[in-house]
């Protein structure tokens, strides 16, 4: 320490840089960020490249100085121009994220390459990511795999996981589940949450490793404890089904909620089901609808089907077959087979229309400039879901392909008499219809068929629910009916 200070006081840049490093990390002296900055700056202003990079890191993180991305990028560039690989990588990161400089993936890739060519492991992994995503360079899976492999062989967990994913899908390399699992395990052992999740999935599916629900749950838990939403959702499913762990519906609900709050649609759909069925939590159809809707609005086919079912049964919402058909249609288009069957139950409640024009464009919304989602010929049958009378548009369901769209009302023939359900159309994901004025609403809670229903007018009744078959779970459940 004394020798470094002696030469630093004499103006030697190397000694000043080392003294800054000692103050920054508390090596031989009490840690002091302000002193670190002072000595780094003295060395950096003399052109010491190591101190320039260190000063850039300090400004980027706001340690000992106010955070300043412009200053960070300036010092990184001075160091990078002298060939310091760490500064080249750091400057590449500033360009990739638009910090202190205009976002420029091409510049990011250029600086990453300079550092990668010097053998800097994290730069190799970063350059692999650029090739895999086609960011700043033309997408090239083989080149991505090459850079990932170089970094993976040097122990980089990000690269190990990424290369494992490429082997699992056969992107840029031969598909090889055993190699994917091996790489995932290397990264997972370093605490990489994404690799832990991926390895868990391999065990759950028996891909590249023996199928083992217990091992799957163990790796899911390690990733879930780091806040990984997908792992939380899958571990919740393991508890809900008793896969590799003792079945525990309460724990399933807890994990689903953690993941659902992060926006995981699988967890949102499953949490909706737990509320709808009263598993691990008090039954609450209103909460079930709320969680189903969150997932459904992001394209989750099972949640769309389940939300349609809630509308068709009047559970948590007013019964509305138009809305049921709307959500069933989206689910059916997403490949949900139960929704196709459920649609058959809702369509007889809707009004059927015939196309009157010779060729009619069905659009994504009620606007002449909206995307055309289908073309229909004269005489084609559609079902009315809703109508914007002021604008002159009708929302329809098209059986061919389970499509939903909008048609100019004037291009539709007179409807045949049929039961009609209202639907306030404002796609693509409209809000639930407003409550009917004067209708008494209620809240029902049940346990094993024993129910209490509380009405908005203050009345409270106890009754036994009916046992019925649940089409979206494939099981018998208790049906408490509507208000």
Protein backbone atom coordinates (compact mmCIF):
# COMPACT_ATOMS: atom_id res chain seq x y z
CA UNK A 1 0.00 0.00 0.00
CA UNK A 2 2.70 2.46 1.00
CA UNK A 3 4.72 1.85 -2.17
CA UNK A 4 1.66 2.46 -4.38
CA UNK A 5 0.86 5.68 -2.53
CA UNK A 6 4.46 6.88 -2.80
CA UNK A 7 4.49 6.49 -6.59
CA UNK A 8 0.89 7.67 -6.94
CA UNK A 9 1.76 10.88 -5.08
CA UNK A 10 4.60 11.32 -7.56
CA UNK A 11 2.08 11.18 -10.44
CA UNK A 12 2.65 7.66 -11.74
CA UNK A 13 -0.58 6.66 -13.54
CA UNK A 14 -0.13 2.92 -13.02
CA UNK A 15 0.23 3.39 -9.25
CA UNK A 16 -2.73 5.80 -9.17
CA UNK A 17 -4.92 3.25 -11.00
CA UNK A 18 -3.91 0.49 -8.60
CA UNK A 19 -4.54 2.71 -5.60
CA UNK A 20 -8.02 3.47 -6.96
CA UNK A 21 -8.63 -0.28 -7.28
CA UNK A 22 -7.58 -0.82 -3.67
CA UNK A 23 -9.94 1.88 -2.38
CA UNK A 24 -12.78 0.61 -4.57
CA UNK A 25 -12.51 -2.94 -3.20
CA UNK A 26 -11.26 -2.28 0.35
CA UNK A 27 -7.91 -3.99 -0.24
CA UNK A 28 -5.45 -2.96 2.47
CA UNK A 29 -7.50 0.19 3.15
CA UNK A 30 -11.06 0.95 4.23
CA UNK A 31 -13.32 0.92 1.21
CA UNK A 32 -13.89 4.48 0.02
CA UNK A 33 -15.69 5.08 -3.29
CA UNK A 34 -14.84 8.80 -3.37
CA UNK A 35 -11.12 8.08 -2.92
CA UNK A 36 -11.32 5.40 -5.59
CA UNK A 37 -12.85 7.90 -8.02
CA UNK A 38 -10.17 10.48 -7.21
CA UNK A 39 -7.25 8.16 -7.92
CA UNK A 40 -8.86 6.58 -10.98
CA UNK A 41 -9.50 10.03 -12.42
CA UNK A 42 -5.88 11.11 -11.92
CA UNK A 43 -4.71 8.01 -13.78
CA UNK A 44 -7.42 8.17 -16.45
CA UNK A 45 -6.65 11.77 -17.30
CA UNK A 46 -3.09 10.66 -18.01
CA UNK A 47 -4.42 8.12 -20.50
CA UNK A 48 -4.29 4.99 -18.35
CA UNK A 49 -6.72 2.66 -20.16
CA UNK A 50 -7.46 0.43 -17.15
CA UNK A 51 -8.40 3.45 -15.04
CA UNK A 52 -10.53 4.85 -17.88
CA UNK A 53 -12.56 1.63 -18.03
CA UNK A 54 -12.84 1.53 -14.23
CA UNK A 55 -14.04 5.14 -14.18
CA UNK A 56 -16.61 4.28 -16.86
CA UNK A 57 -17.95 1.45 -14.67
CA UNK A 58 -18.16 3.80 -11.70
CA UNK A 59 -20.19 6.37 -13.66
CA UNK A 60 -22.42 3.64 -15.13
CA UNK A 61 -23.25 2.32 -11.65
CA UNK A 62 -23.24 5.63 -9.75
CA UNK A 63 -20.71 4.55 -7.12
CA UNK A 64 -18.93 7.47 -5.52
CA UNK A 65 -20.38 9.80 -8.16
CA UNK A 66 -23.81 10.59 -9.54
CA UNK A 67 -24.76 8.08 -12.22
CA UNK A 68 -23.95 9.53 -15.63
CA UNK A 69 -24.26 7.33 -18.70
CA UNK A 70 -22.74 9.98 -20.98
CA UNK A 71 -19.59 10.10 -18.87
CA UNK A 72 -19.53 6.31 -18.61
CA UNK A 73 -19.67 5.93 -22.40
CA UNK A 74 -16.99 8.61 -22.85
CA UNK A 75 -14.52 6.87 -20.55
CA UNK A 76 -15.32 3.43 -22.00
CA UNK A 77 -14.58 4.74 -25.50
CA UNK A 78 -11.21 6.21 -24.49
CA UNK A 79 -10.25 2.86 -23.00
CA UNK A 80 -11.76 0.78 -25.83
CA UNK A 81 -9.85 2.78 -28.44
CA UNK A 82 -6.69 1.59 -26.71
CA UNK A 83 -7.77 -2.03 -27.21
CA UNK A 84 -8.94 -2.86 -23.68
CA UNK A 85 -11.34 -5.80 -24.18
CA UNK A 86 -13.35 -5.06 -21.03
CA UNK A 87 -14.03 -1.52 -22.18
CA UNK A 88 -14.92 -2.73 -25.69
CA UNK A 89 -17.48 -5.10 -24.20
CA UNK A 90 -18.83 -2.41 -21.86
CA UNK A 91 -19.15 0.10 -24.70
CA UNK A 92 -20.94 -2.55 -26.77
CA UNK A 93 -23.41 -2.92 -23.91
CA UNK A 94 -24.04 0.83 -23.87
CA UNK A 95 -24.89 0.73 -27.59
CA UNK A 96 -27.06 -2.38 -27.18
CA UNK A 97 -29.11 -0.70 -24.44
CA UNK A 98 -29.00 2.90 -25.66
CA UNK A 99 -27.28 4.14 -22.51
CA UNK A 100 -25.14 7.26 -22.93
CA UNK A 101 -25.24 6.79 -26.70
CA UNK A 102 -27.99 6.30 -29.28
CA UNK A 103 -29.08 2.66 -29.38
CA UNK A 104 -27.24 0.99 -32.27
CA UNK A 105 -27.13 -2.80 -32.49
CA UNK A 106 -24.61 -2.65 -35.33
CA UNK A 107 -22.16 -0.68 -33.18
CA UNK A 108 -22.87 -2.98 -30.25
CA UNK A 109 -22.00 -6.04 -32.37
CA UNK A 110 -18.82 -4.32 -33.67
CA UNK A 111 -17.50 -3.63 -30.18
CA UNK A 112 -18.53 -7.08 -28.90
CA UNK A 113 -16.59 -8.64 -31.81
CA UNK A 114 -13.44 -6.69 -31.01
CA UNK A 115 -13.56 -7.95 -27.43
CA UNK A 116 -14.60 -11.48 -28.47
CA UNK A 117 -11.69 -11.71 -30.91
CA UNK A 118 -9.39 -11.06 -27.95
CA UNK A 119 -10.93 -14.04 -26.17
CA UNK A 120 -13.18 -12.18 -23.72
CA UNK A 121 -15.71 -14.81 -22.70
CA UNK A 122 -18.76 -12.66 -21.93
CA UNK A 123 -18.25 -10.76 -25.19
CA UNK A 124 -18.31 -14.07 -27.07
CA UNK A 125 -21.59 -14.95 -25.38
CA UNK A 126 -23.01 -11.51 -26.17
CA UNK A 127 -21.96 -11.78 -29.82
CA UNK A 128 -23.60 -15.20 -29.99
CA UNK A 129 -26.82 -13.62 -28.76
CA UNK A 130 -26.62 -10.95 -31.47
CA UNK A 131 -26.31 -13.62 -34.17
CA UNK A 132 -29.11 -15.72 -32.63
CA UNK A 133 -31.48 -12.75 -32.60
CA UNK A 134 -30.30 -11.06 -35.77
CA UNK A 135 -29.50 -7.89 -33.82
CA UNK A 136 -26.95 -5.67 -35.57
CA UNK A 137 -25.90 -8.59 -37.77
CA UNK A 138 -27.73 -10.92 -40.13
CA UNK A 139 -29.28 -13.77 -38.16
CA UNK A 140 -27.00 -16.81 -38.40
CA UNK A 141 -27.73 -19.74 -36.09
CA UNK A 142 -24.51 -21.55 -36.95
CA UNK A 143 -22.43 -18.49 -36.16
CA UNK A 144 -24.42 -17.98 -32.95
CA UNK A 145 -23.74 -21.57 -31.92
CA UNK A 146 -20.02 -21.14 -32.69
CA UNK A 147 -19.67 -18.14 -30.38
CA UNK A 148 -21.87 -19.70 -27.71
CA UNK A 149 -19.70 -22.84 -27.78
CA UNK A 150 -16.47 -20.86 -27.34
CA UNK A 151 -17.95 -19.07 -24.31
CA UNK A 152 -19.61 -22.23 -22.95
CA UNK A 153 -16.33 -24.13 -23.00
CA UNK A 154 -14.88 -21.34 -20.85
CA UNK A 155 -17.68 -21.80 -18.29
CA UNK A 156 -20.05 -18.95 -19.19
CA UNK A 157 -23.46 -20.03 -17.84
CA UNK A 158 -25.43 -17.82 -20.21
CA UNK A 159 -23.69 -19.39 -23.21
CA UNK A 160 -24.09 -22.91 -21.80
CA UNK A 161 -27.83 -22.40 -21.41
CA UNK A 162 -28.17 -20.76 -24.84
CA UNK A 163 -26.20 -23.51 -26.58
CA UNK A 164 -28.28 -26.09 -24.70
CA UNK A 165 -31.44 -24.45 -26.06
CA UNK A 166 -30.02 -24.60 -29.59
CA UNK A 167 -29.33 -28.33 -29.22
CA UNK A 168 -32.81 -28.86 -27.77
CA UNK A 169 -34.44 -27.23 -30.81
CA UNK A 170 -31.87 -28.11 -33.47
CA UNK A 171 -31.07 -24.48 -34.27
CA UNK A 172 -27.67 -24.09 -35.89
CA UNK A 173 -26.59 -27.50 -34.56
CA UNK A 174 -27.86 -31.06 -34.74
CA UNK A 175 -30.74 -31.64 -32.36
CA UNK A 176 -29.38 -33.54 -29.37
CA UNK A 177 -31.43 -33.69 -26.17
CA UNK A 178 -28.63 -35.39 -24.21
CA UNK A 179 -26.19 -32.60 -25.09
CA UNK A 180 -28.86 -30.00 -24.30
CA UNK A 181 -29.42 -31.54 -20.87
CA UNK A 182 -25.66 -31.71 -20.22
CA UNK A 183 -25.21 -28.03 -21.02
CA UNK A 184 -28.28 -27.04 -19.02
CA UNK A 185 -26.88 -28.92 -16.03
CA UNK A 186 -23.52 -27.11 -16.27
CA UNK A 187 -25.27 -23.72 -16.27
CA UNK A 188 -27.86 -24.74 -13.68
CA UNK A 189 -25.09 -25.81 -11.32
CA UNK A 190 -23.80 -22.23 -11.48
CA UNK A 191 -27.20 -20.93 -10.38
CA UNK A 192 -28.48 -19.86 -13.80
CA UNK A 193 -32.26 -19.76 -13.24
CA UNK A 194 -33.13 -20.19 -16.92
CA UNK A 195 -30.98 -23.30 -17.17
CA UNK A 196 -32.51 -24.62 -13.95
CA UNK A 197 -35.96 -24.18 -15.48
CA UNK A 198 -34.88 -25.79 -18.76
CA UNK A 199 -33.28 -28.75 -16.99
CA UNK A 200 -36.43 -29.20 -14.92
CA UNK A 201 -38.49 -29.29 -18.10
CA UNK A 202 -36.17 -31.94 -19.58
CA UNK A 203 -36.73 -34.11 -16.48
CA UNK A 204 -40.48 -33.49 -16.57
CA UNK A 205 -40.65 -34.59 -20.23
CA UNK A 206 -37.93 -37.25 -20.12
CA UNK A 207 -35.91 -35.53 -22.84
CA UNK A 208 -32.16 -36.25 -22.78
CA UNK A 209 -32.51 -37.55 -19.23
CA UNK A 210 -34.72 -40.08 -17.49
CA UNK A 211 -38.21 -38.76 -16.78
CA UNK A 212 -38.18 -37.85 -13.10
CA UNK A 213 -40.90 -35.63 -11.62
CA UNK A 214 -38.99 -35.32 -8.36
CA UNK A 215 -35.90 -33.97 -10.12
CA UNK A 216 -38.10 -31.69 -12.19
CA UNK A 217 -39.69 -30.26 -9.06
CA UNK A 218 -36.27 -29.81 -7.44
CA UNK A 219 -34.90 -27.76 -10.33
CA UNK A 220 -38.17 -25.85 -10.72
CA UNK A 221 -37.90 -24.88 -7.06
CA UNK A 222 -34.35 -23.57 -7.41
CA UNK A 223 -35.42 -21.38 -10.33
CA UNK A 224 -38.69 -20.39 -8.65
CA UNK A 225 -36.82 -19.25 -5.55
CA UNK A 226 -34.97 -16.80 -7.81
CA UNK A 227 -38.28 -15.37 -9.00
CA UNK A 228 -38.50 -17.21 -12.33
CA UNK A 229 -42.19 -16.94 -13.25
CA UNK A 230 -42.29 -19.95 -15.58
CA UNK A 231 -40.69 -22.12 -12.90
CA UNK A 232 -43.16 -20.85 -10.30
CA UNK A 233 -46.04 -21.72 -12.60
CA UNK A 234 -44.72 -25.21 -13.35
CA UNK A 235 -43.90 -25.92 -9.72
CA UNK A 236 -47.43 -24.81 -8.87
CA UNK A 237 -48.71 -27.33 -11.42
CA UNK A 238 -46.54 -30.01 -9.81
CA UNK A 239 -48.15 -29.31 -6.43
CA UNK A 240 -51.62 -29.17 -7.96
CA UNK A 241 -51.18 -32.61 -9.54
CA UNK A 242 -48.83 -34.17 -6.98
CA UNK A 243 -46.02 -34.63 -9.50
CA UNK A 244 -42.75 -35.28 -7.70
CA UNK A 245 -44.12 -33.62 -4.55
CA UNK A 246 -47.03 -34.27 -2.21
CA UNK A 247 -50.18 -32.69 -3.63
CA UNK A 248 -50.84 -29.34 -1.96
CA UNK A 249 -53.47 -27.09 -3.52
CA UNK A 250 -52.67 -24.18 -1.21
CA UNK A 251 -49.01 -24.25 -2.24
CA UNK A 252 -50.10 -24.50 -5.87
CA UNK A 253 -52.24 -21.37 -5.45
CA UNK A 254 -49.37 -19.51 -3.76
CA UNK A 255 -46.96 -20.31 -6.58
CA UNK A 256 -49.53 -19.58 -9.30
CA UNK A 257 -50.13 -16.17 -7.75
CA UNK A 258 -46.42 -15.33 -7.66
CA UNK A 259 -46.11 -16.17 -11.36
CA UNK A 260 -49.46 -14.63 -12.32
CA UNK A 261 -48.49 -11.32 -10.73
CA UNK A 262 -45.48 -11.31 -13.07
CA UNK A 263 -47.79 -11.75 -16.07
CA UNK A 264 -47.28 -15.48 -16.68
CA UNK A 265 -50.40 -16.48 -18.61
CA UNK A 266 -50.24 -20.19 -17.71
CA UNK A 267 -50.28 -19.24 -14.04
CA UNK A 268 -53.10 -16.74 -14.57
CA UNK A 269 -55.21 -19.39 -16.30
CA UNK A 270 -54.47 -21.97 -13.60
CA UNK A 271 -55.15 -19.50 -10.80
CA UNK A 272 -58.48 -18.75 -12.45
CA UNK A 273 -59.28 -22.45 -12.42
CA UNK A 274 -58.36 -22.74 -8.72
CA UNK A 275 -60.79 -19.91 -7.93
CA UNK A 276 -63.49 -21.41 -10.15
CA UNK A 277 -63.19 -24.84 -8.54
CA UNK A 278 -62.40 -23.75 -4.97
CA UNK A 279 -59.16 -25.74 -4.85
CA UNK A 280 -56.67 -24.42 -2.30
CA UNK A 281 -58.67 -21.23 -1.93
CA UNK A 282 -62.26 -20.13 -1.34
CA UNK A 283 -64.32 -20.39 -4.51
CA UNK A 284 -64.80 -17.01 -6.14
CA UNK A 285 -66.18 -16.90 -9.67
CA UNK A 286 -65.52 -13.17 -9.97
CA UNK A 287 -61.81 -13.72 -9.26
CA UNK A 288 -61.80 -16.70 -11.62
CA UNK A 289 -63.15 -14.51 -14.42
CA UNK A 290 -60.62 -11.78 -13.64
CA UNK A 291 -57.63 -14.13 -13.93
CA UNK A 292 -59.04 -15.97 -16.96
CA UNK A 293 -59.52 -12.62 -18.69
CA UNK A 294 -55.92 -11.50 -18.04
CA UNK A 295 -54.60 -14.66 -19.69
CA UNK A 296 -57.26 -14.72 -22.41
CA UNK A 297 -56.47 -11.18 -23.52
CA UNK A 298 -52.88 -12.30 -24.15
CA UNK A 299 -53.96 -15.21 -26.35
CA UNK A 300 -53.99 -18.09 -23.86
CA UNK A 301 -56.32 -20.59 -25.55
CA UNK A 302 -57.29 -22.54 -22.40
CA UNK A 303 -58.12 -19.33 -20.55
CA UNK A 304 -60.17 -18.14 -23.53
CA UNK A 305 -62.15 -21.38 -23.47
CA UNK A 306 -62.67 -21.18 -19.72
CA UNK A 307 -63.74 -17.55 -19.91
CA UNK A 308 -66.22 -18.50 -22.61
CA UNK A 309 -67.56 -21.20 -20.31
CA UNK A 310 -68.03 -18.69 -17.48
CA UNK A 311 -70.10 -16.49 -19.83
CA UNK A 312 -72.15 -19.43 -21.08
CA UNK A 313 -72.96 -20.47 -17.50
CA UNK A 314 -73.29 -16.99 -16.01
CA UNK A 315 -70.60 -17.62 -13.43
CA UNK A 316 -68.88 -14.46 -12.20
CA UNK A 317 -70.47 -12.51 -15.07
CA UNK A 318 -73.97 -12.15 -16.52
CA UNK A 319 -74.78 -15.03 -18.83
CA UNK A 320 -74.07 -13.98 -22.40
CA UNK A 321 -73.84 -16.48 -25.24
CA UNK A 322 -72.42 -13.92 -27.65
CA UNK A 323 -69.46 -13.32 -25.38
CA UNK A 324 -69.16 -17.06 -24.78
CA UNK A 325 -68.98 -17.66 -28.55
CA UNK A 326 -66.47 -14.84 -28.94
CA UNK A 327 -64.01 -16.38 -26.48
CA UNK A 328 -64.69 -19.94 -27.62
CA UNK A 329 -63.91 -18.85 -31.19
CA UNK A 330 -60.56 -17.36 -30.19
CA UNK A 331 -59.73 -20.48 -28.20
CA UNK A 332 -60.76 -22.78 -31.05
CA UNK A 333 -58.59 -20.82 -33.45
CA UNK A 334 -55.75 -21.32 -30.97
CA UNK A 335 -56.19 -25.09 -31.15
CA UNK A 336 -58.33 -25.74 -28.07
CA UNK A 337 -60.49 -28.75 -28.95
CA UNK A 338 -62.85 -28.31 -26.00
CA UNK A 339 -63.70 -24.83 -27.29
CA UNK A 340 -64.78 -26.31 -30.63
CA UNK A 341 -67.27 -28.54 -28.82
CA UNK A 342 -68.39 -25.74 -26.53
CA UNK A 343 -69.09 -23.48 -29.50
CA UNK A 344 -71.75 -25.92 -30.62
CA UNK A 345 -73.65 -25.20 -27.42
CA UNK A 346 -73.52 -21.41 -27.80
CA UNK A 347 -74.22 -20.92 -31.51
CA UNK A 348 -77.92 -21.93 -31.34
CA UNK A 349 -78.45 -18.94 -29.01
CA UNK A 350 -77.10 -16.47 -31.58
CA UNK A 351 -78.72 -14.85 -34.58
CA UNK A 352 -77.52 -16.18 -37.93
CA UNK A 353 -77.02 -13.78 -40.84
CA UNK A 354 -76.34 -14.24 -44.54
CA UNK A 355 -73.84 -12.26 -46.60
CA UNK A 356 -75.74 -10.11 -49.09
CA UNK A 357 -72.84 -8.63 -51.11
CA UNK A 358 -71.07 -10.55 -53.87
CA UNK A 359 -67.71 -10.47 -52.06
CA UNK A 360 -67.48 -9.07 -48.56
CA UNK A 361 -64.34 -8.16 -46.60
CA UNK A 362 -64.35 -9.11 -42.94
CA UNK A 363 -62.07 -6.74 -41.06
CA UNK A 364 -60.22 -6.88 -37.74
CA UNK A 365 -62.30 -3.98 -36.41
CA UNK A 366 -65.02 -1.60 -37.54
CA UNK A 367 -62.88 0.47 -39.87
CA UNK A 368 -62.59 0.44 -43.65
CA UNK A 369 -58.80 0.65 -43.28
CA UNK A 370 -58.52 -2.25 -40.83
CA UNK A 371 -56.81 -5.51 -41.77
CA UNK A 372 -58.91 -7.94 -43.80
CA UNK A 373 -59.17 -11.20 -41.84
CA UNK A 374 -61.46 -13.03 -44.27
CA UNK A 375 -63.35 -12.70 -47.55
CA UNK A 376 -66.89 -14.08 -47.80
CA UNK A 377 -69.05 -14.80 -50.82
CA UNK A 378 -72.74 -14.07 -51.18
CA UNK A 379 -74.91 -16.40 -49.14
CA UNK A 380 -72.19 -17.36 -46.65
CA UNK A 381 -73.55 -17.79 -43.13
CA UNK A 382 -72.19 -15.93 -40.12
CA UNK A 383 -73.34 -15.43 -36.53
CA UNK A 384 -73.93 -12.02 -35.01
CA UNK A 385 -71.87 -11.26 -31.90
CA UNK A 386 -72.47 -7.55 -31.54
CA UNK A 387 -73.15 -4.34 -33.37
CA UNK A 388 -71.98 -0.75 -33.58
CA UNK A 389 -75.20 0.76 -34.92
CA UNK A 390 -73.91 4.32 -35.03
CA UNK A 391 -70.94 3.36 -37.22
CA UNK A 392 -72.89 0.73 -39.15
CA UNK A 393 -70.71 -2.28 -38.40
CA UNK A 394 -71.60 -5.77 -37.11
CA UNK A 395 -69.22 -8.12 -35.32
CA UNK A 396 -69.58 -11.69 -36.56
CA UNK A 397 -68.34 -15.21 -35.97
CA UNK A 398 -67.34 -17.15 -39.10
CA UNK A 399 -67.55 -20.94 -38.63
CA UNK A 400 -64.97 -21.61 -41.36
CA UNK A 401 -61.69 -21.25 -39.49
CA UNK A 402 -63.33 -20.03 -36.26
CA UNK A 403 -62.66 -16.41 -37.16
CA UNK A 404 -64.11 -13.27 -35.60
CA UNK A 405 -64.31 -9.95 -37.41
CA UNK A 406 -66.39 -6.99 -38.48
CA UNK A 407 -68.63 -6.50 -41.52
CA UNK A 408 -70.53 -3.47 -42.75
CA UNK A 409 -74.08 -4.07 -41.54
CA UNK A 410 -75.49 -3.04 -44.93
CA UNK A 411 -73.71 -6.04 -46.52
CA UNK A 412 -75.55 -8.56 -44.33
CA UNK A 413 -78.99 -9.96 -45.14
CA UNK A 414 -81.99 -9.86 -42.84
CA UNK A 415 -81.46 -12.12 -39.85
CA UNK A 416 -83.59 -15.18 -39.36
CA UNK A 417 -85.57 -15.19 -36.07
CA UNK A 418 -83.45 -16.64 -33.30
CA UNK A 419 -82.58 -16.00 -29.66
CA UNK A 420 -80.16 -13.11 -29.33
CA UNK A 421 -77.68 -12.35 -26.60
CA UNK A 422 -76.32 -8.78 -26.24
CA UNK A 423 -72.61 -8.08 -26.69
CA UNK A 424 -70.99 -4.64 -26.51
CA UNK A 425 -68.51 -4.94 -29.37
CA UNK A 426 -65.24 -3.07 -29.08
CA UNK A 427 -62.63 -5.66 -30.08
CA UNK A 428 -60.26 -7.18 -30.16
CA UNK A 429 -60.65 -7.83 -26.43
CA UNK A 430 -63.78 -6.01 -25.32
CA UNK A 431 -64.70 -5.41 -21.70
CA UNK A 432 -67.44 -7.44 -20.08
CA UNK A 433 -70.98 -6.11 -20.62
CA UNK A 434 -72.29 -3.65 -18.07
CA UNK A 435 -74.67 -5.08 -15.43
CA UNK A 436 -78.32 -4.96 -16.38
CA UNK A 437 -80.06 -2.11 -14.47
CA UNK A 438 -82.28 -3.39 -11.73
CA UNK A 439 -80.80 -6.89 -11.69
CA UNK A 440 -79.79 -8.23 -8.28
CA UNK A 441 -76.20 -9.42 -8.23
CA UNK A 442 -74.79 -11.98 -5.85
CA UNK A 443 -71.64 -13.60 -4.52
CA UNK A 444 -71.51 -17.34 -3.88
CA UNK A 445 -69.03 -19.34 -1.84
CA UNK A 446 -69.11 -23.15 -1.68
CA UNK A 447 -67.25 -25.98 -0.01
CA UNK A 448 -67.89 -29.52 -1.26
CA UNK A 449 -71.29 -28.50 -2.57
CA UNK A 450 -72.39 -26.67 0.60
CA UNK A 451 -72.99 -23.08 -0.54
CA UNK A 452 -73.78 -19.65 0.87
CA UNK A 453 -75.07 -16.99 -1.51
CA UNK A 454 -75.13 -13.31 -0.55
CA UNK A 455 -77.27 -10.96 -2.67
CA UNK A 456 -76.63 -7.28 -3.28
CA UNK A 457 -79.98 -6.50 -1.56
CA UNK A 458 -78.63 -8.00 1.69
CA UNK A 459 -80.34 -11.40 1.59
CA UNK A 460 -78.28 -14.51 2.37
CA UNK A 461 -79.25 -18.12 1.68
CA UNK A 462 -77.69 -21.53 2.16
CA UNK A 463 -78.21 -24.32 -0.38
CA UNK A 464 -76.72 -27.50 -1.83
CA UNK A 465 -75.08 -27.13 -5.25
CA UNK A 466 -75.76 -29.50 -8.13
CA UNK A 467 -73.10 -31.95 -9.29
CA UNK A 468 -72.20 -31.42 -12.95
CA UNK A 469 -69.55 -32.30 -15.52
CA UNK A 470 -66.95 -29.58 -16.09
CA UNK A 471 -66.02 -29.49 -19.82
CA UNK A 472 -62.71 -27.67 -19.35
CA UNK A 473 -61.32 -29.86 -16.58
CA UNK A 474 -62.82 -33.18 -17.64
CA UNK A 475 -64.06 -33.72 -14.06
CA UNK A 476 -67.32 -33.51 -12.13
CA UNK A 477 -67.74 -30.34 -10.10
CA UNK A 478 -70.37 -28.58 -8.02
CA UNK A 479 -72.58 -26.15 -9.92
CA UNK A 480 -73.99 -23.36 -7.75
CA UNK A 481 -75.89 -21.82 -10.69
CA UNK A 482 -76.42 -18.11 -11.29
CA UNK A 483 -78.27 -15.48 -9.30
